[in-house]
Amino acid sequence: MVLALAAAGQDKSKKAIEVVYDDVQILKQQVQELRDLADQNAEVIKALQDQLKILTDLFRQSMAGQAEAQEGSRALPAQYQDIVRKLDQLTLELQKISADLAARPSAAVPVGAAAGAAAAGGGAGEDRKPAPQTAAKPGPEPKAPPAPAPVPTMSPQEAYSVAYNDYLKGNYDLAVESFKLYRQQFPESPLADNALYWIGECRYSQRKFEEAIDAFDDLIVGYPQGDKAAAAHLKKGLSFIELGRKPEALAALKLLVAKYPLEEEARIAQDKIRELNEK
């Protein structure tokens, strides 16, 4: 019986060892699978890192190109702009002089003078009475020809830069006229909505808030997806605040928050709404 019990104990130990061995083998297999999966993930991560590096390089190149373009537009020589303005002024002056010359009536020759000369050439013995001299009636003054439409002499970027520089210098009326002319000459330009926005900014700076609101409304209606639409909503609301029209200001600012909740202008609008509600 003792031998039988010892044999049975050995069998149980052997089975326990076999079970443990099998568990170890399973664990080894699972560890290997995890290692293989980690290697695959490492390759995927490396590929993603390479793609991210490529995209980062492309983005930096794009930003550098934009910065160079902006720097080039800022580096436009001021002397060149002055020359262009002087040429425009000379053209207008020449047109005015031409119109003045065309409007002057030509000198009329008196008919009586010619008749008197003919009488003086007759016979000496003849008693001729000089023909009465009658002054010629001047004809109607010729109308001056209409001035030709201005022809663009600058590229869209140059014309926009000139108008924007006038705004920066505080020449608001001149800037407004320049931006209006820019919109007439280049209506399809991608900066046409920006020109309209800066017209509103000029009027806002002059405290002509009604005219500013009109300009911002034109932008909001004409360019609802433009990059200046949110800013136009904000400045429209601020214009109403300056005019003391609180309900319209709140309506404009709330509309801005609803349409462009992620824009910086929406955050400013929320602050203004709280200030107006606290008053």
Protein backbone atom coordinates (compact mmCIF):
# COMPACT_ATOMS: atom_id res chain seq x y z
CA MET A 1 0.00 0.00 0.00
CA VAL A 2 2.85 2.33 0.75
CA LEU A 3 4.32 1.67 -2.66
CA ALA A 4 0.93 2.28 -4.28
CA LEU A 5 0.51 5.56 -2.49
CA ALA A 6 4.03 6.65 -3.46
CA ALA A 7 3.34 5.75 -7.08
CA ALA A 8 0.10 7.70 -7.02
CA GLY A 9 1.90 10.71 -5.56
CA GLN A 10 4.50 10.55 -8.27
CA ASP A 11 1.80 10.42 -10.96
CA LYS A 12 0.12 13.52 -9.51
CA SER A 13 3.43 15.37 -9.37
CA LYS A 14 4.19 14.37 -12.94
CA LYS A 15 0.80 15.59 -14.12
CA ALA A 16 1.24 18.86 -12.23
CA ILE A 17 4.65 19.35 -13.84
CA GLU A 18 3.18 18.61 -17.26
CA VAL A 19 0.37 21.14 -16.66
CA VAL A 20 2.89 23.77 -15.58
CA TYR A 21 5.04 22.99 -18.62
CA ASP A 22 2.06 23.35 -20.92
CA ASP A 23 1.19 26.70 -19.29
CA VAL A 24 4.75 27.85 -19.74
CA GLN A 25 4.67 26.89 -23.41
CA ILE A 26 1.40 28.77 -23.89
CA LEU A 27 2.84 31.81 -22.15
CA LYS A 28 5.94 31.64 -24.36
CA GLN A 29 3.74 31.53 -27.44
CA GLN A 30 1.70 34.48 -26.22
CA VAL A 31 4.88 36.44 -25.44
CA GLN A 32 6.17 35.72 -28.95
CA GLU A 33 2.86 36.86 -30.46
CA LEU A 34 3.06 40.04 -28.41
CA ARG A 35 6.61 40.62 -29.60
CA ASP A 36 5.57 40.10 -33.22
CA LEU A 37 2.65 42.51 -32.72
CA ALA A 38 4.96 45.04 -31.09
CA ASP A 39 7.36 44.77 -34.05
CA GLN A 40 4.48 45.34 -36.46
CA ASN A 41 3.27 48.30 -34.44
CA ALA A 42 6.79 49.68 -34.37
CA GLU A 43 6.93 49.51 -38.16
CA VAL A 44 3.55 51.22 -38.45
CA ILE A 45 4.60 53.91 -35.98
CA LYS A 46 7.83 54.46 -37.88
CA ALA A 47 5.91 54.78 -41.17
CA LEU A 48 3.55 57.28 -39.53
CA GLN A 49 6.49 59.22 -38.14
CA ASP A 50 8.06 59.37 -41.61
CA GLN A 51 4.80 60.61 -43.12
CA LEU A 52 4.45 63.16 -40.34
CA LYS A 53 7.97 64.41 -40.98
CA ILE A 54 7.22 64.76 -44.71
CA LEU A 55 4.00 66.68 -43.97
CA THR A 56 5.81 68.89 -41.47
CA ASP A 57 8.49 69.71 -44.03
CA LEU A 58 5.85 70.53 -46.66
CA PHE A 59 3.99 72.74 -44.19
CA ARG A 60 7.16 74.59 -43.27
CA GLN A 61 8.00 75.09 -46.95
CA SER A 62 4.48 76.40 -47.58
CA MET A 63 4.71 78.81 -44.64
CA ALA A 64 8.14 79.96 -45.78
CA GLY A 65 6.77 80.61 -49.28
CA GLN A 66 3.88 82.63 -47.89
CA ALA A 67 6.22 84.59 -45.66
CA GLU A 68 8.46 85.38 -48.64
CA ALA A 69 5.45 86.51 -50.68
CA GLN A 70 4.24 88.77 -47.86
CA GLU A 71 7.71 90.14 -47.33
CA GLY A 72 8.00 90.84 -51.05
CA SER A 73 4.74 92.77 -51.07
CA ARG A 74 5.85 94.76 -48.01
CA ALA A 75 9.17 95.52 -49.62
CA LEU A 76 7.51 97.32 -52.51
CA PRO A 77 9.57 100.51 -52.81
CA ALA A 78 7.81 103.61 -51.61
CA GLN A 79 9.45 105.59 -54.40
CA TYR A 80 7.78 103.37 -56.97
CA GLN A 81 4.39 104.00 -55.36
CA ASP A 82 5.02 107.76 -55.41
CA ILE A 83 5.96 107.60 -59.09
CA VAL A 84 2.76 105.72 -59.91
CA ARG A 85 0.68 108.29 -58.02
CA LYS A 86 2.38 111.19 -59.77
CA LEU A 87 1.74 109.57 -63.15
CA ASP A 88 -1.94 109.19 -62.25
CA GLN A 89 -2.11 112.85 -61.20
CA LEU A 90 -0.43 113.97 -64.45
CA THR A 91 -2.89 111.89 -66.46
CA LEU A 92 -5.85 113.52 -64.72
CA GLU A 93 -4.38 116.99 -65.24
CA LEU A 94 -3.81 116.32 -68.96
CA GLN A 95 -7.39 115.12 -69.32
CA LYS A 96 -8.64 118.28 -67.60
CA ILE A 97 -6.52 120.52 -69.85
CA SER A 98 -7.78 118.72 -72.96
CA ALA A 99 -11.37 119.15 -71.83
CA ASP A 100 -10.82 122.89 -71.15
CA LEU A 101 -9.28 123.43 -74.60
CA ALA A 102 -12.11 121.58 -76.29
CA ALA A 103 -14.68 123.67 -74.42
CA ARG A 104 -13.30 127.03 -75.66
CA PRO A 105 -15.17 128.48 -78.73
CA SER A 106 -13.07 129.26 -81.83
CA ALA A 107 -12.58 132.98 -82.69
CA ALA A 108 -15.18 134.19 -85.24
CA VAL A 109 -14.05 136.47 -88.17
CA PRO A 110 -16.34 139.56 -88.55
CA VAL A 111 -18.25 139.49 -91.80
CA GLY A 112 -18.16 143.31 -92.11
CA ALA A 113 -14.38 143.34 -92.30
CA ALA A 114 -14.42 141.20 -95.40
CA ALA A 115 -17.11 143.38 -97.00
CA GLY A 116 -15.15 146.55 -96.29
CA ALA A 117 -12.04 145.10 -97.92
CA ALA A 118 -14.04 144.26 -101.04
CA ALA A 119 -15.46 147.81 -101.23
CA ALA A 120 -12.00 149.37 -100.88
CA GLY A 121 -10.84 147.45 -103.93
CA GLY A 122 -13.45 149.12 -106.27
CA GLY A 123 -13.01 152.12 -108.68
CA ALA A 124 -11.79 155.40 -107.23
CA GLY A 125 -14.62 157.45 -108.84
CA GLU A 126 -17.35 155.36 -107.44
CA ASP A 127 -19.01 156.60 -104.29
CA ARG A 128 -19.57 153.43 -102.33
CA LYS A 129 -20.96 153.33 -98.88
CA PRO A 130 -19.23 150.91 -96.63
CA ALA A 131 -21.35 147.90 -95.85
CA PRO A 132 -22.60 147.90 -92.35
CA GLN A 133 -20.54 145.70 -90.14
CA THR A 134 -22.46 143.02 -88.31
CA ALA A 135 -20.89 140.98 -85.64
CA ALA A 136 -21.07 137.23 -86.23
CA LYS A 137 -23.11 135.33 -83.76
CA PRO A 138 -20.98 132.83 -81.92
CA GLY A 139 -22.10 129.26 -82.40
CA PRO A 140 -22.89 126.94 -79.54
CA GLU A 141 -19.93 125.96 -77.45
CA PRO A 142 -18.72 122.46 -78.30
CA LYS A 143 -19.22 119.96 -75.55
CA ALA A 144 -16.11 118.53 -73.96
CA PRO A 145 -15.59 114.87 -74.84
CA PRO A 146 -16.28 112.51 -71.97
CA ALA A 147 -13.21 111.60 -69.99
CA PRO A 148 -12.03 108.08 -70.77
CA ALA A 149 -12.44 105.43 -68.13
CA PRO A 150 -9.30 104.97 -66.03
CA VAL A 151 -7.15 102.10 -67.24
CA PRO A 152 -5.50 99.98 -64.56
CA THR A 153 -1.81 100.79 -64.42
CA MET A 154 -0.97 98.55 -61.45
CA SER A 155 -1.35 94.89 -60.68
CA PRO A 156 -4.08 93.87 -58.19
CA GLN A 157 -1.52 93.31 -55.43
CA GLU A 158 0.11 96.71 -56.01
CA ALA A 159 -3.25 98.53 -56.06
CA TYR A 160 -4.33 96.77 -52.86
CA SER A 161 -1.03 97.60 -51.15
CA VAL A 162 -1.38 101.30 -52.05
CA ALA A 163 -4.91 101.45 -50.61
CA TYR A 164 -3.93 99.54 -47.47
CA ASN A 165 -0.92 101.79 -46.87
CA ASP A 166 -3.25 104.81 -47.04
CA TYR A 167 -5.38 103.16 -44.34
CA LEU A 168 -2.33 102.55 -42.14
CA LYS A 169 -1.27 106.18 -42.54
CA GLY A 170 -4.70 107.43 -41.48
CA ASN A 171 -5.62 108.75 -44.96
CA TYR A 172 -9.06 107.19 -44.60
CA ASP A 173 -10.92 109.06 -47.37
CA LEU A 174 -8.13 108.35 -49.84
CA ALA A 175 -8.04 104.72 -48.71
CA VAL A 176 -11.81 104.36 -49.21
CA GLU A 177 -11.59 105.73 -52.75
CA SER A 178 -8.62 103.48 -53.50
CA PHE A 179 -10.40 100.39 -52.19
CA LYS A 180 -13.55 101.28 -54.18
CA LEU A 181 -11.46 101.73 -57.33
CA TYR A 182 -9.76 98.41 -56.60
CA ARG A 183 -13.16 96.66 -56.42
CA GLN A 184 -14.22 98.28 -59.71
CA GLN A 185 -11.07 97.30 -61.56
CA PHE A 186 -10.61 93.85 -60.02
CA PRO A 187 -14.10 92.61 -59.03
CA GLU A 188 -13.06 88.94 -59.29
CA SER A 189 -9.99 89.32 -57.10
CA PRO A 190 -9.85 87.10 -53.99
CA LEU A 191 -9.17 90.30 -52.01
CA ALA A 192 -12.37 92.03 -53.13
CA ASP A 193 -14.10 91.15 -49.84
CA ASN A 194 -11.06 92.34 -47.87
CA ALA A 195 -11.23 95.68 -49.69
CA LEU A 196 -14.87 96.00 -48.65
CA TYR A 197 -13.96 95.20 -45.05
CA TRP A 198 -11.27 97.89 -44.93
CA ILE A 199 -13.74 100.42 -46.33
CA GLY A 200 -15.86 99.65 -43.27
CA GLU A 201 -12.80 99.93 -41.01
CA CYS A 202 -11.97 103.35 -42.47
CA ARG A 203 -15.49 104.60 -41.77
CA TYR A 204 -15.37 103.07 -38.27
CA SER A 205 -12.10 104.89 -37.57
CA GLN A 206 -13.74 108.13 -38.77
CA ARG A 207 -16.68 107.41 -36.41
CA LYS A 208 -18.99 107.29 -39.41
CA PHE A 209 -20.68 104.24 -37.94
CA GLU A 210 -23.74 104.21 -40.22
CA GLU A 211 -21.50 104.06 -43.30
CA ALA A 212 -19.36 101.44 -41.61
CA ILE A 213 -22.43 99.27 -40.96
CA ASP A 214 -23.43 99.58 -44.63
CA ALA A 215 -19.99 98.39 -45.74
CA PHE A 216 -19.98 95.47 -43.28
CA ASP A 217 -23.50 94.49 -44.39
CA ASP A 218 -22.37 94.44 -48.03
CA LEU A 219 -19.54 92.10 -47.06
CA ILE A 220 -21.77 89.83 -44.95
CA VAL A 221 -24.35 89.49 -47.72
CA GLY A 222 -21.92 89.26 -50.64
CA TYR A 223 -19.19 87.13 -49.06
CA PRO A 224 -20.76 84.99 -46.27
CA GLN A 225 -17.93 82.44 -46.55
CA GLY A 226 -15.10 85.00 -46.82
CA ASP A 227 -12.26 85.17 -44.36
CA LYS A 228 -13.44 88.59 -43.15
CA ALA A 229 -17.09 87.63 -42.56
CA ALA A 230 -16.69 86.99 -38.82
CA ALA A 231 -14.71 90.21 -38.35
CA ALA A 232 -17.41 92.14 -40.26
CA HIS A 233 -20.11 90.78 -37.91
CA LEU A 234 -18.04 91.84 -34.90
CA LYS A 235 -17.34 95.37 -36.15
CA LYS A 236 -20.99 95.75 -37.13
CA GLY A 237 -21.98 94.91 -33.54
CA LEU A 238 -19.38 97.33 -32.17
CA SER A 239 -20.70 100.04 -34.49
CA PHE A 240 -24.20 99.56 -33.07
CA ILE A 241 -22.72 99.84 -29.57
CA GLU A 242 -21.09 103.15 -30.48
CA LEU A 243 -24.44 104.38 -31.80
CA GLY A 244 -26.15 103.39 -28.53
CA ARG A 245 -28.39 100.84 -30.27
CA LYS A 246 -28.12 98.02 -27.74
CA PRO A 247 -30.80 95.60 -29.11
CA GLU A 248 -29.29 95.66 -32.61
CA ALA A 249 -25.80 95.27 -31.17
CA LEU A 250 -26.87 92.19 -29.18
CA ALA A 251 -28.56 90.69 -32.24
CA ALA A 252 -25.46 91.18 -34.39
CA LEU A 253 -23.10 89.74 -31.77
CA LYS A 254 -25.32 86.73 -31.01
CA LEU A 255 -25.55 85.98 -34.71
CA LEU A 256 -21.75 86.04 -34.89
CA VAL A 257 -21.47 83.55 -32.02
CA ALA A 258 -24.06 81.25 -33.63
CA LYS A 259 -22.47 81.29 -37.10
CA TYR A 260 -18.78 81.26 -36.17
CA PRO A 261 -18.51 79.69 -32.70
CA LEU A 262 -14.86 78.63 -33.15
CA GLU A 263 -13.53 81.98 -34.36
CA GLU A 264 -11.64 84.39 -32.11
CA GLU A 265 -14.23 87.06 -32.94
CA ALA A 266 -16.91 84.86 -31.32
CA ARG A 267 -15.03 84.94 -27.99
CA ILE A 268 -14.78 88.74 -28.15
CA ALA A 269 -18.48 88.91 -29.01
CA GLN A 270 -19.39 86.82 -25.95
CA ASP A 271 -17.46 89.20 -23.72
CA LYS A 272 -19.30 92.18 -25.26
CA ILE A 273 -22.65 90.43 -24.81
CA ARG A 274 -21.95 89.92 -21.09
CA GLU A 275 -20.94 93.58 -20.74
CA LEU A 276 -24.12 94.76 -22.46
CA ASN A 277 -26.34 92.48 -20.33
CA GLU A 278 -24.72 93.76 -17.13
CA LYS A 279 -25.50 97.39 -17.97
